[in-house]
Amino acid sequence: MDIIIKPIITEKVTKESELSNRFGFVVDKNANKVQIKKAVEAAYGITVVNVNTMNVRPDRTTKFTKSGMISGKSNAYKKAIVQVQEGETIDFYNNI
């Protein structure tokens, strides 16, 4: 089971990573905090201090077009905010 799907790289998460060593990941919906901690430590070789998780609900949209009303929604996902030990960091841009 692949627990870590992708890192979250937004302005808010980047600011948190610079100020308080907290990094965001999109993770598997069925993964718990212990599994997320072990997966991040194995993937990046760092020590994880704290893990916070949240389920993000899908956003529903409605568009009014010439052909009628079109409705849709985005996918729901689980987000994990991982705090690493002081002095350690994760570099997402080294493989570009």
Protein backbone atom coordinates (compact mmCIF):
# COMPACT_ATOMS: atom_id res chain seq x y z
CA MET A 1 0.00 0.00 0.00
CA ASP A 2 1.48 3.31 -1.10
CA ILE A 3 0.74 5.68 1.79
CA ILE A 4 2.29 8.96 0.59
CA ILE A 5 0.67 10.06 -2.68
CA LYS A 6 2.32 13.48 -3.21
CA PRO A 7 3.64 16.47 -1.27
CA ILE A 8 1.56 19.62 -0.95
CA ILE A 9 3.41 22.67 -2.25
CA THR A 10 1.32 25.78 -1.61
CA GLU A 11 2.17 29.18 -0.17
CA LYS A 12 0.65 28.34 3.20
CA VAL A 13 2.46 24.99 3.60
CA THR A 14 5.75 26.47 2.34
CA LYS A 15 5.51 29.22 4.97
CA GLU A 16 4.84 26.61 7.68
CA SER A 17 7.85 24.60 6.53
CA GLU A 18 10.14 27.62 6.77
CA LEU A 19 8.86 28.80 10.17
CA SER A 20 8.09 25.64 12.12
CA ASN A 21 9.40 22.58 10.16
CA ARG A 22 5.90 21.38 9.17
CA PHE A 23 5.39 19.74 5.77
CA GLY A 24 2.17 18.70 4.02
CA PHE A 25 1.37 15.51 2.13
CA VAL A 26 -1.64 14.02 0.37
CA VAL A 27 -1.93 10.52 1.81
CA ASP A 28 -4.05 7.40 1.39
CA LYS A 29 -7.55 7.75 2.86
CA ASN A 30 -7.21 4.59 4.97
CA ALA A 31 -3.77 5.40 6.44
CA ASN A 32 -3.48 6.24 10.14
CA LYS A 33 -0.96 8.52 11.87
CA VAL A 34 1.46 5.74 12.79
CA GLN A 35 1.61 4.46 9.20
CA ILE A 36 2.10 8.01 7.86
CA LYS A 37 4.93 8.63 10.35
CA LYS A 38 6.75 5.43 9.36
CA ALA A 39 6.30 6.12 5.63
CA VAL A 40 7.69 9.68 5.84
CA GLU A 41 10.65 8.58 7.97
CA ALA A 42 11.45 5.77 5.53
CA ALA A 43 11.06 7.90 2.40
CA TYR A 44 13.04 10.97 3.50
CA GLY A 45 15.33 9.65 6.27
CA ILE A 46 14.24 12.14 8.94
CA THR A 47 12.72 12.00 12.42
CA VAL A 48 9.00 12.86 12.64
CA VAL A 49 7.84 14.52 15.86
CA ASN A 50 4.11 15.05 15.24
CA VAL A 51 1.47 14.10 12.64
CA ASN A 52 -1.86 15.87 12.14
CA THR A 53 -4.41 14.54 9.64
CA MET A 54 -7.57 15.91 8.10
CA ASN A 55 -10.12 14.72 5.58
CA VAL A 56 -10.74 17.33 2.88
CA ARG A 57 -14.28 17.29 1.52
CA PRO A 58 -15.01 17.60 -2.21
CA ASP A 59 -15.90 21.04 -3.57
CA ARG A 60 -19.11 21.18 -5.59
CA THR A 61 -19.43 23.60 -8.50
CA THR A 62 -22.28 24.75 -10.74
CA LYS A 63 -21.82 26.49 -14.10
CA PHE A 64 -24.55 28.15 -16.10
CA THR A 65 -23.83 27.77 -19.82
CA LYS A 66 -25.74 28.13 -23.11
CA SER A 67 -26.44 24.41 -23.15
CA GLY A 68 -27.80 24.42 -19.61
CA MET A 69 -26.61 23.96 -16.06
CA ILE A 70 -23.48 21.86 -15.55
CA SER A 71 -22.63 20.56 -12.09
CA GLY A 72 -19.47 18.83 -10.93
CA LYS A 73 -17.28 18.17 -7.95
CA SER A 74 -13.61 17.69 -7.06
CA ASN A 75 -12.25 14.60 -5.38
CA ALA A 76 -12.08 14.15 -1.62
CA TYR A 77 -8.65 13.36 -0.14
CA LYS A 78 -6.79 13.03 3.15
CA LYS A 79 -4.12 15.55 4.09
CA ALA A 80 -1.32 15.03 6.61
CA ILE A 81 0.74 17.80 8.19
CA VAL A 82 4.02 16.33 9.47
CA GLN A 83 6.33 18.13 11.90
CA VAL A 84 9.98 17.07 11.71
CA GLN A 85 12.65 17.37 14.37
CA GLU A 86 14.39 20.73 14.81
CA GLY A 87 17.38 21.06 12.50
CA GLU A 88 16.11 18.59 9.89
CA THR A 89 14.31 19.49 6.67
CA ILE A 90 12.80 17.95 3.54
CA ASP A 91 13.92 19.28 0.16
CA PHE A 92 11.22 18.68 -2.46
CA TYR A 93 13.08 20.54 -5.21
CA ASN A 94 16.34 18.56 -5.37
CA ASN A 95 15.12 16.13 -8.07
CA ILE A 96 13.99 18.76 -10.56
